[in-house]
Protein backbone atom coordinates (compact mmCIF):
# COMPACT_ATOMS: atom_id res chain seq x y z
CA MET A 1 0.00 0.00 0.00
CA LYS A 2 2.82 2.36 0.91
CA ARG A 3 4.50 1.56 -2.40
CA PHE A 4 1.34 2.44 -4.37
CA CYS A 5 1.08 5.79 -2.55
CA THR A 6 4.66 6.60 -3.45
CA ILE A 7 4.05 5.76 -7.12
CA GLY A 8 0.89 7.89 -7.15
CA LEU A 9 2.69 10.84 -5.62
CA ALA A 10 5.48 10.55 -8.20
CA LEU A 11 2.96 10.45 -11.05
CA SER A 12 1.20 13.53 -9.67
CA LEU A 13 4.50 15.41 -9.52
CA LEU A 14 5.27 14.41 -13.10
CA VAL A 15 1.86 15.71 -14.25
CA ILE A 16 2.43 19.03 -12.43
CA LEU A 17 5.91 19.42 -13.92
CA ALA A 18 4.64 18.57 -17.40
CA THR A 19 1.80 21.10 -17.04
CA ASP A 20 4.21 23.82 -15.90
CA ALA A 21 6.58 23.05 -18.78
CA SER A 22 3.71 23.15 -21.27
CA ALA A 23 2.53 26.53 -19.93
CA ALA A 24 6.08 27.93 -20.10
CA ASP A 25 6.50 26.69 -23.69
CA HIS A 26 3.16 28.26 -24.68
CA LYS A 27 4.14 31.58 -23.07
CA THR A 28 7.47 31.60 -24.94
CA THR A 29 5.72 30.76 -28.21
CA VAL A 30 3.30 33.67 -27.74
CA LEU A 31 6.23 36.00 -26.96
CA GLN A 32 8.03 34.95 -30.15
CA GLN A 33 4.86 35.43 -32.20
CA ARG A 34 4.31 38.92 -30.76
CA LEU A 35 7.97 39.83 -31.37
CA ALA A 36 7.77 38.63 -34.98
CA ALA A 37 4.55 40.63 -35.53
CA ALA A 38 6.17 43.79 -34.09
CA ILE A 39 9.16 43.35 -36.39
CA LYS A 40 6.91 42.86 -39.43
CA MET A 41 5.01 46.03 -38.57
CA ARG A 42 8.18 48.07 -37.99
CA ARG A 43 9.71 46.94 -41.29
CA GLN A 44 6.37 47.05 -43.14
CA LEU A 45 6.98 43.53 -44.40
CA PRO A 46 4.57 41.71 -46.72
CA ALA A 47 2.41 38.88 -45.40
CA ASN A 48 4.64 36.20 -46.99
CA ALA A 49 7.77 37.40 -45.14
CA LYS A 50 9.15 35.05 -42.48
CA VAL A 51 10.78 36.31 -39.29
CA SER A 52 12.99 33.80 -37.44
CA LEU A 53 14.04 34.52 -33.86
CA MET A 54 17.08 32.88 -32.24
CA ASN A 55 18.97 33.08 -28.95
CA LEU A 56 16.02 34.55 -27.05
CA ARG A 57 17.16 35.93 -23.70
CA ILE A 58 14.86 37.20 -20.95
CA GLY A 59 16.17 40.16 -18.96
CA ASN A 60 14.27 39.43 -15.71
CA ALA A 61 13.87 35.66 -15.48
CA ARG A 62 11.97 35.71 -12.17
CA THR A 63 9.30 38.13 -13.39
CA TRP A 64 8.96 36.08 -16.58
CA GLU A 65 8.45 32.88 -14.58
CA GLN A 66 5.70 34.56 -12.56
CA ALA A 67 4.00 36.01 -15.65
CA THR A 68 0.73 34.48 -16.76
CA ALA A 69 0.49 36.19 -20.15
CA VAL A 70 2.25 38.51 -22.59
CA HIS A 71 0.42 41.84 -22.57
CA ASP A 72 2.35 43.87 -25.17
CA VAL A 73 5.64 43.99 -27.10
CA VAL A 74 7.24 47.32 -28.03
CA LEU A 75 10.34 47.87 -30.16
CA PRO A 76 12.33 51.00 -29.22
CA GLN A 77 12.16 53.73 -31.85
CA ARG A 78 15.73 53.26 -33.13
CA THR A 79 15.64 49.47 -33.29
CA ARG A 80 16.64 48.22 -36.75
CA ALA A 81 14.31 45.20 -36.40
CA THR A 82 16.93 42.88 -37.87
CA GLY A 83 20.10 41.29 -36.48
CA ILE A 84 20.46 41.65 -32.69
CA ILE A 85 17.39 43.41 -31.30
CA ALA A 86 16.09 44.35 -27.86
CA ALA A 87 12.42 44.82 -27.04
CA LYS A 88 10.30 45.95 -24.11
CA VAL A 89 7.74 43.35 -23.08
CA GLN A 90 4.81 44.00 -20.77
CA VAL A 91 3.67 40.85 -18.96
CA THR A 92 0.69 40.13 -16.74
CA THR A 93 1.53 38.95 -13.21
CA ALA A 94 -0.33 38.62 -9.91
CA GLN A 95 1.03 42.07 -9.01
CA GLY A 96 -0.27 43.61 -12.25
CA ILE A 97 1.44 44.60 -15.52
CA GLN A 98 5.23 44.50 -15.26
CA LEU A 99 7.99 45.35 -17.71
CA ILE A 100 10.84 43.11 -18.77
CA TRP A 101 13.43 43.35 -21.55
CA VAL A 102 14.16 40.60 -24.03
CA ARG A 103 17.02 40.26 -26.47
CA CYS A 104 17.32 38.01 -29.52
CA ARG A 105 18.64 37.70 -33.07
CA ALA A 106 16.11 38.29 -35.85
CA ASN A 107 16.55 36.95 -39.38
CA ILE A 108 14.08 37.99 -42.08
CA ARG A 109 13.38 36.30 -45.41
CA ALA A 110 11.05 37.96 -47.90
CA ASN A 111 10.37 38.33 -51.61
CA VAL A 112 12.27 41.46 -52.68
CA VAL A 113 12.67 43.28 -56.00
CA VAL A 114 15.90 42.18 -57.71
CA THR A 115 17.47 43.29 -61.00
CA ARG A 116 17.24 40.87 -63.94
CA ARG A 117 20.16 42.55 -65.72
CA PRO A 118 22.65 45.38 -65.13
CA LEU A 119 20.95 48.80 -64.96
CA ASN A 120 22.92 51.92 -65.76
CA ARG A 121 22.74 55.22 -63.91
CA LYS A 122 19.65 57.31 -64.78
CA HIS A 123 17.94 54.29 -66.36
CA VAL A 124 14.17 54.39 -65.81
CA ILE A 125 13.10 51.00 -64.50
CA GLN A 126 10.65 49.00 -66.62
CA ARG A 127 8.79 45.80 -65.73
CA GLY A 128 11.21 43.56 -67.63
CA ASP A 129 14.19 44.93 -65.67
CA VAL A 130 13.23 43.37 -62.34
CA HIS A 131 11.61 40.37 -60.68
CA LEU A 132 10.88 39.07 -57.18
CA VAL A 133 13.39 36.79 -55.44
CA ARG A 134 13.30 35.42 -51.90
CA ARG A 135 16.25 36.78 -49.96
CA PHE A 136 17.49 37.49 -46.45
CA VAL A 137 16.60 41.10 -45.64
CA GLY A 138 19.14 43.39 -43.98
CA SER A 139 18.71 46.74 -42.27
CA GLN A 140 18.17 48.76 -45.48
CA THR A 141 14.76 49.64 -46.94
CA TYR A 142 13.84 47.12 -49.63
CA PHE A 143 11.01 47.00 -52.15
CA TYR A 144 8.57 44.10 -51.87
CA HIS A 145 6.33 44.90 -54.85
CA ILE A 146 7.51 45.38 -58.45
CA GLY A 147 5.13 48.30 -58.95
CA ASP A 148 6.95 50.28 -56.27
CA VAL A 149 10.09 50.65 -58.44
CA LEU A 150 8.55 51.01 -61.91
CA GLY A 151 9.21 54.46 -63.39
CA LYS A 152 11.95 55.26 -60.87
CA SER A 153 15.42 56.33 -61.98
CA VAL A 154 18.59 54.41 -61.03
CA ARG A 155 20.96 56.54 -58.91
CA SER A 156 24.11 54.56 -59.73
CA THR A 157 24.79 51.43 -61.78
CA LEU A 158 23.13 48.28 -60.41
CA VAL A 159 24.60 44.88 -61.24
CA GLN A 160 22.49 41.90 -62.22
CA GLY A 161 20.89 40.02 -59.32
CA ILE A 162 21.14 42.78 -56.72
CA ALA A 163 18.21 43.63 -54.44
CA ILE A 164 17.06 47.19 -55.04
CA THR A 165 16.86 49.44 -51.98
CA SER A 166 15.52 52.96 -51.48
CA ARG A 167 19.07 54.30 -51.73
CA GLY A 168 19.52 52.87 -55.21
CA VAL A 169 16.63 54.61 -56.96
CA GLN A 170 14.82 57.92 -57.00
CA PRO A 171 11.64 59.30 -58.56
CA VAL A 172 12.08 60.73 -62.05
CA ILE A 173 11.83 64.50 -62.52
CA ALA A 174 8.31 64.77 -63.91
CA VAL A 175 8.31 68.54 -64.47
CA LYS A 176 11.28 70.79 -65.28
CA ARG A 177 11.51 74.54 -64.89
CA GLY A 178 10.05 76.24 -67.98
CA ASP A 179 7.92 73.25 -68.98
CA HIS A 180 4.41 73.89 -70.25
CA VAL A 181 2.15 71.89 -67.92
CA LYS A 182 -1.47 70.88 -67.67
CA VAL A 183 -2.98 72.35 -64.51
CA THR A 184 -6.04 70.99 -62.69
CA ILE A 185 -7.53 73.35 -60.11
CA ARG A 186 -9.83 71.70 -57.58
CA ARG A 187 -12.37 73.68 -55.59
CA GLY A 188 -14.54 71.24 -53.67
CA THR A 189 -16.32 69.11 -56.26
CA VAL A 190 -15.45 71.54 -59.08
CA ARG A 191 -12.45 70.93 -61.33
CA ILE A 192 -11.02 73.54 -63.65
CA ARG A 193 -8.49 72.47 -66.26
CA THR A 194 -6.07 75.01 -67.70
CA SER A 195 -2.40 75.34 -68.65
CA GLY A 196 0.62 77.00 -67.13
CA GLU A 197 4.39 77.31 -66.99
CA ALA A 198 6.45 75.53 -64.34
CA LEU A 199 8.65 77.94 -62.38
CA THR A 200 10.42 75.17 -60.46
CA LYS A 201 11.16 71.50 -61.12
CA GLY A 202 9.69 68.58 -59.23
CA ARG A 203 9.09 64.85 -59.00
CA VAL A 204 5.69 63.22 -58.57
CA GLY A 205 4.35 64.32 -55.18
CA ASP A 206 6.55 67.44 -54.94
CA ARG A 207 5.05 70.92 -54.58
CA ILE A 208 6.15 73.41 -57.24
CA ARG A 209 5.29 76.95 -58.36
CA VAL A 210 3.33 77.43 -61.58
CA ARG A 211 2.30 80.54 -63.53
CA ILE A 212 -1.22 80.20 -64.97
CA ASN A 213 -1.17 81.22 -68.64
CA ALA A 214 -4.67 82.69 -68.74
CA THR A 215 -4.24 85.03 -65.76
CA GLY A 216 -0.51 85.30 -65.15
CA LYS A 217 -1.16 84.38 -61.52
CA MET A 218 1.45 82.31 -59.67
CA VAL A 219 0.16 79.36 -57.67
CA GLN A 220 1.56 76.34 -55.84
CA GLY A 221 0.56 72.87 -56.87
CA ARG A 222 1.48 69.23 -56.47
CA VAL A 223 3.09 67.34 -59.35
CA SER A 224 0.64 64.54 -60.17
CA GLY A 225 2.38 63.09 -63.23
CA SER A 226 4.53 63.90 -66.22
CA LEU A 227 3.86 67.57 -67.10
CA MET A 228 0.79 67.58 -64.83
CA VAL A 229 0.14 69.73 -61.76
CA GLU A 230 -2.81 69.73 -59.39
CA VAL A 231 -3.78 72.81 -57.38
CA ILE A 232 -5.99 72.25 -54.33
């Protein structure tokens, strides 16, 4: 009888230990998922990007052990969200919400825009110049959709097979000083179309000064396309 009691007690302890281990594993999994989601948001990654976290280290192990849930994960403003990262984690404990720090290595794989062939400086990118390739993503700003680079000008020569970053391209000058431009003036629901002369140059989205031909009046407008300006 005494032997059976001992066996029962041992089995009960094993069940308790297994339950605690399962809860700890679940808590760690949730933390990793929340970290990965925060990194995706910070880097504005597409849905098909994969964030892998390694060497996860908890700053305050005792508070983490006492935590019952992960409340929130916040990346500091200057965090690169790749390589070695640190994050603030709010956890729920019996004493309320408490803060701990975690540290880990983050690797990111995503489909990025890559050159199909060498592209010379000032070349305007066309659809056949690029395609999507799955790559490890570094700390630079990459393009994840082909449409985001079409019509942009190459800053300096790009070799074949290189991932294009924001530093490698720039918007094309859509309006030059002295160009005759089409001007759309919007007043509520009313649109007036006229013509004018550009007094400054600009890329799509830039604000430039324009002289309206019909009145000689100078106005400011936003470049909406090649030789097109919109005044609101």
